[in-house]
């Protein structure tokens, strides 16, 4: 097989894994109450509601940073 097909195959596998992980997160996230941490801002009035997950964004940022460090460490780059 030409090298181009190998690269396309790897891309499709990675895309499938990302889509599957996103689907699992969407199914199980409501049960985990991830976005109702203390420090998340919520404002509401008559007929409107604004919700900004400040602390949840910080937690997600820290987790993604740690994951990227681990991947970078084990990939040797």
N, C-alpha and C. Protein backbone atom coordinates (compact mmCIF):
# COMPACT_ATOMS: atom_id res chain seq x y z
N UNK A 1 0.83 -1.18 0.00
CA UNK A 1 0.00 0.00 0.00
C UNK A 1 0.88 1.25 0.00
N UNK A 2 0.49 2.28 -0.73
CA UNK A 2 1.26 3.53 -0.69
C UNK A 2 1.23 4.16 0.69
N UNK A 3 2.25 4.95 0.97
CA UNK A 3 2.38 5.58 2.29
C UNK A 3 1.22 6.52 2.59
N UNK A 4 0.62 7.11 1.58
CA UNK A 4 -0.50 8.02 1.79
C UNK A 4 -1.69 7.33 2.42
N UNK A 5 -1.94 6.08 2.03
CA UNK A 5 -3.05 5.33 2.61
C UNK A 5 -2.81 5.03 4.08
N UNK A 6 -1.57 4.78 4.44
CA UNK A 6 -1.24 4.53 5.84
C UNK A 6 -1.52 5.77 6.68
N UNK A 7 -1.14 6.92 6.19
CA UNK A 7 -1.38 8.16 6.92
C UNK A 7 -2.87 8.45 7.05
N UNK A 8 -3.62 8.21 5.98
CA UNK A 8 -5.07 8.41 6.04
C UNK A 8 -5.70 7.46 7.04
N UNK A 9 -5.23 6.21 7.04
CA UNK A 9 -5.75 5.23 7.99
C UNK A 9 -5.50 5.63 9.43
N UNK A 10 -4.30 6.12 9.71
CA UNK A 10 -3.97 6.57 11.07
C UNK A 10 -4.85 7.75 11.47
N UNK A 11 -5.06 8.66 10.52
CA UNK A 11 -5.91 9.82 10.80
C UNK A 11 -7.34 9.38 11.11
N UNK A 12 -7.86 8.45 10.32
CA UNK A 12 -9.23 7.98 10.54
C UNK A 12 -9.38 7.26 11.87
N UNK A 13 -8.38 6.49 12.26
CA UNK A 13 -8.42 5.82 13.56
C UNK A 13 -8.41 6.85 14.69
N UNK A 14 -7.54 7.85 14.58
CA UNK A 14 -7.48 8.89 15.61
C UNK A 14 -8.79 9.67 15.68
N UNK A 15 -9.35 10.00 14.51
CA UNK A 15 -10.62 10.73 14.49
C UNK A 15 -11.73 9.89 15.11
N UNK A 16 -11.75 8.60 14.83
CA UNK A 16 -12.76 7.72 15.41
C UNK A 16 -12.64 7.63 16.93
N UNK A 17 -11.41 7.57 17.42
CA UNK A 17 -11.21 7.53 18.87
C UNK A 17 -11.66 8.83 19.54
N UNK A 18 -11.37 9.95 18.89
CA UNK A 18 -11.78 11.24 19.45
C UNK A 18 -13.30 11.36 19.46
N UNK A 19 -13.94 10.93 18.38
CA UNK A 19 -15.41 10.99 18.32
C UNK A 19 -16.02 10.05 19.36
N UNK A 20 -15.45 8.86 19.53
CA UNK A 20 -15.96 7.93 20.54
C UNK A 20 -15.80 8.49 21.95
N UNK A 21 -14.65 9.08 22.22
CA UNK A 21 -14.42 9.66 23.55
C UNK A 21 -15.38 10.81 23.80
N UNK A 22 -15.62 11.63 22.79
CA UNK A 22 -16.57 12.73 22.93
C UNK A 22 -17.98 12.21 23.21
N UNK A 23 -18.37 11.15 22.52
CA UNK A 23 -19.68 10.55 22.76
C UNK A 23 -19.81 10.01 24.17
N UNK A 24 -18.78 9.34 24.66
CA UNK A 24 -18.82 8.82 26.03
C UNK A 24 -18.90 9.95 27.05
N UNK A 25 -18.17 11.02 26.81
CA UNK A 25 -18.23 12.17 27.72
C UNK A 25 -19.63 12.76 27.72
N UNK A 26 -20.24 12.86 26.55
CA UNK A 26 -21.59 13.44 26.47
C UNK A 26 -22.62 12.57 27.18
N UNK A 27 -22.40 11.26 27.19
CA UNK A 27 -23.34 10.35 27.85
C UNK A 27 -23.16 10.40 29.37
N UNK A 28 -21.92 10.38 29.84
CA UNK A 28 -21.67 10.26 31.27
C UNK A 28 -21.45 11.58 32.00
N UNK A 29 -21.20 12.67 31.31
CA UNK A 29 -20.92 13.96 31.97
C UNK A 29 -22.07 14.45 32.84
N UNK A 30 -23.34 14.34 32.41
CA UNK A 30 -24.41 14.84 33.27
C UNK A 30 -24.49 14.10 34.61
N UNK A 31 -24.07 12.86 34.64
CA UNK A 31 -24.13 12.09 35.88
C UNK A 31 -23.00 12.45 36.84
N UNK A 32 -21.92 13.05 36.32
CA UNK A 32 -20.76 13.36 37.14
C UNK A 32 -20.81 14.75 37.77
N UNK A 33 -21.76 15.59 37.37
CA UNK A 33 -21.88 16.96 37.87
C UNK A 33 -20.57 17.74 37.74
N UNK A 34 -19.90 17.59 36.60
CA UNK A 34 -18.63 18.27 36.39
C UNK A 34 -18.77 19.77 36.34
N UNK A 35 -19.85 20.27 35.83
CA UNK A 35 -19.99 21.70 35.62
C UNK A 35 -20.85 22.36 36.69
N UNK A 36 -20.81 21.85 37.89
CA UNK A 36 -21.52 22.47 39.01
C UNK A 36 -20.59 22.56 40.21
N UNK A 37 -19.38 23.02 39.95
CA UNK A 37 -18.39 23.14 41.00
C UNK A 37 -18.57 24.48 41.73
N UNK A 38 -18.14 24.54 43.00
CA UNK A 38 -18.17 25.83 43.69
C UNK A 38 -17.26 26.82 42.96
N UNK A 39 -17.74 28.01 42.74
CA UNK A 39 -16.96 29.01 42.02
C UNK A 39 -17.45 29.24 40.60
N UNK A 40 -18.31 28.36 40.09
CA UNK A 40 -18.93 28.58 38.79
C UNK A 40 -20.00 29.65 38.95
N UNK A 41 -20.03 30.58 38.02
CA UNK A 41 -20.94 31.72 38.12
C UNK A 41 -22.25 31.44 37.41
N UNK A 42 -23.33 31.81 38.06
CA UNK A 42 -24.66 31.63 37.48
C UNK A 42 -25.51 32.85 37.83
N UNK A 43 -26.03 33.50 36.81
CA UNK A 43 -26.90 34.66 36.99
C UNK A 43 -28.20 34.38 36.28
N UNK A 44 -29.30 34.74 36.90
CA UNK A 44 -30.59 34.54 36.23
C UNK A 44 -31.53 35.68 36.58
N UNK A 45 -32.43 35.88 35.69
CA UNK A 45 -33.44 36.90 35.88
C UNK A 45 -34.74 36.39 35.27
N UNK A 46 -35.66 37.30 35.09
CA UNK A 46 -36.94 36.91 34.54
C UNK A 46 -36.79 36.61 33.04
N UNK A 47 -36.85 35.34 32.70
CA UNK A 47 -36.78 34.93 31.31
C UNK A 47 -35.38 34.75 30.75
N UNK A 48 -34.33 34.85 31.59
CA UNK A 48 -32.98 34.65 31.08
C UNK A 48 -32.10 34.03 32.16
N UNK A 49 -31.03 33.38 31.70
CA UNK A 49 -30.08 32.77 32.60
C UNK A 49 -28.72 32.76 31.92
N UNK A 50 -27.69 33.16 32.66
CA UNK A 50 -26.31 33.13 32.17
C UNK A 50 -25.51 32.26 33.12
N UNK A 51 -24.78 31.31 32.56
CA UNK A 51 -23.98 30.40 33.36
C UNK A 51 -22.57 30.38 32.79
N UNK A 52 -21.56 30.67 33.61
CA UNK A 52 -20.18 30.61 33.17
C UNK A 52 -19.39 29.75 34.14
N UNK A 53 -18.92 28.59 33.69
CA UNK A 53 -18.21 27.65 34.57
C UNK A 53 -16.74 28.02 34.76
N UNK A 54 -16.45 29.03 35.58
CA UNK A 54 -15.08 29.51 35.77
C UNK A 54 -14.18 28.41 36.33
N UNK A 55 -14.56 27.84 37.44
CA UNK A 55 -13.74 26.81 38.09
C UNK A 55 -13.68 25.55 37.24
N UNK A 56 -14.76 25.20 36.59
CA UNK A 56 -14.76 24.03 35.71
C UNK A 56 -13.77 24.22 34.56
N UNK A 57 -13.70 25.43 34.01
CA UNK A 57 -12.74 25.71 32.93
C UNK A 57 -11.31 25.57 33.43
N UNK A 58 -11.05 26.03 34.65
CA UNK A 58 -9.71 25.92 35.21
C UNK A 58 -9.34 24.46 35.43
N UNK A 59 -10.27 23.67 35.96
CA UNK A 59 -10.01 22.24 36.19
C UNK A 59 -9.76 21.53 34.86
N UNK A 60 -10.56 21.79 33.85
CA UNK A 60 -10.38 21.16 32.54
C UNK A 60 -9.03 21.56 31.96
N UNK A 61 -8.64 22.82 32.11
CA UNK A 61 -7.35 23.29 31.61
C UNK A 61 -6.19 22.56 32.29
N UNK A 62 -6.28 22.38 33.59
CA UNK A 62 -5.22 21.68 34.33
C UNK A 62 -5.14 20.23 33.88
N UNK A 63 -6.27 19.57 33.74
CA UNK A 63 -6.28 18.16 33.32
C UNK A 63 -5.70 18.01 31.92
N UNK A 64 -6.11 18.86 30.99
CA UNK A 64 -5.58 18.78 29.63
C UNK A 64 -4.09 19.09 29.58
N UNK A 65 -3.63 20.01 30.42
CA UNK A 65 -2.20 20.31 30.48
C UNK A 65 -1.42 19.11 30.99
N UNK A 66 -1.92 18.47 32.03
CA UNK A 66 -1.24 17.28 32.56
C UNK A 66 -1.20 16.16 31.53
N UNK A 67 -2.30 15.96 30.82
CA UNK A 67 -2.34 14.92 29.78
C UNK A 67 -1.33 15.24 28.69
N UNK A 68 -1.24 16.50 28.27
CA UNK A 68 -0.29 16.85 27.22
C UNK A 68 1.15 16.68 27.70
N UNK A 69 1.43 16.97 28.97
CA UNK A 69 2.77 16.75 29.50
C UNK A 69 3.13 15.27 29.50
N UNK A 70 2.19 14.43 29.91
CA UNK A 70 2.44 12.98 29.94
C UNK A 70 2.68 12.45 28.53
N UNK A 71 1.86 12.88 27.58
CA UNK A 71 2.04 12.43 26.19
C UNK A 71 3.38 12.89 25.66
N UNK A 72 3.75 14.13 25.94
CA UNK A 72 5.03 14.66 25.47
C UNK A 72 6.19 13.92 26.13
N UNK A 73 6.07 13.59 27.40
CA UNK A 73 7.12 12.87 28.12
C UNK A 73 7.35 11.48 27.54
N UNK A 74 6.26 10.75 27.29
CA UNK A 74 6.39 9.39 26.79
C UNK A 74 6.67 9.32 25.29
N UNK A 75 6.40 10.40 24.56
CA UNK A 75 6.72 10.39 23.14
C UNK A 75 8.17 10.77 22.90
N UNK A 76 8.84 11.27 23.92
CA UNK A 76 10.26 11.58 23.82
C UNK A 76 10.57 12.88 23.12
N UNK A 77 9.61 13.76 22.98
CA UNK A 77 9.86 15.04 22.31
C UNK A 77 10.08 16.13 23.31
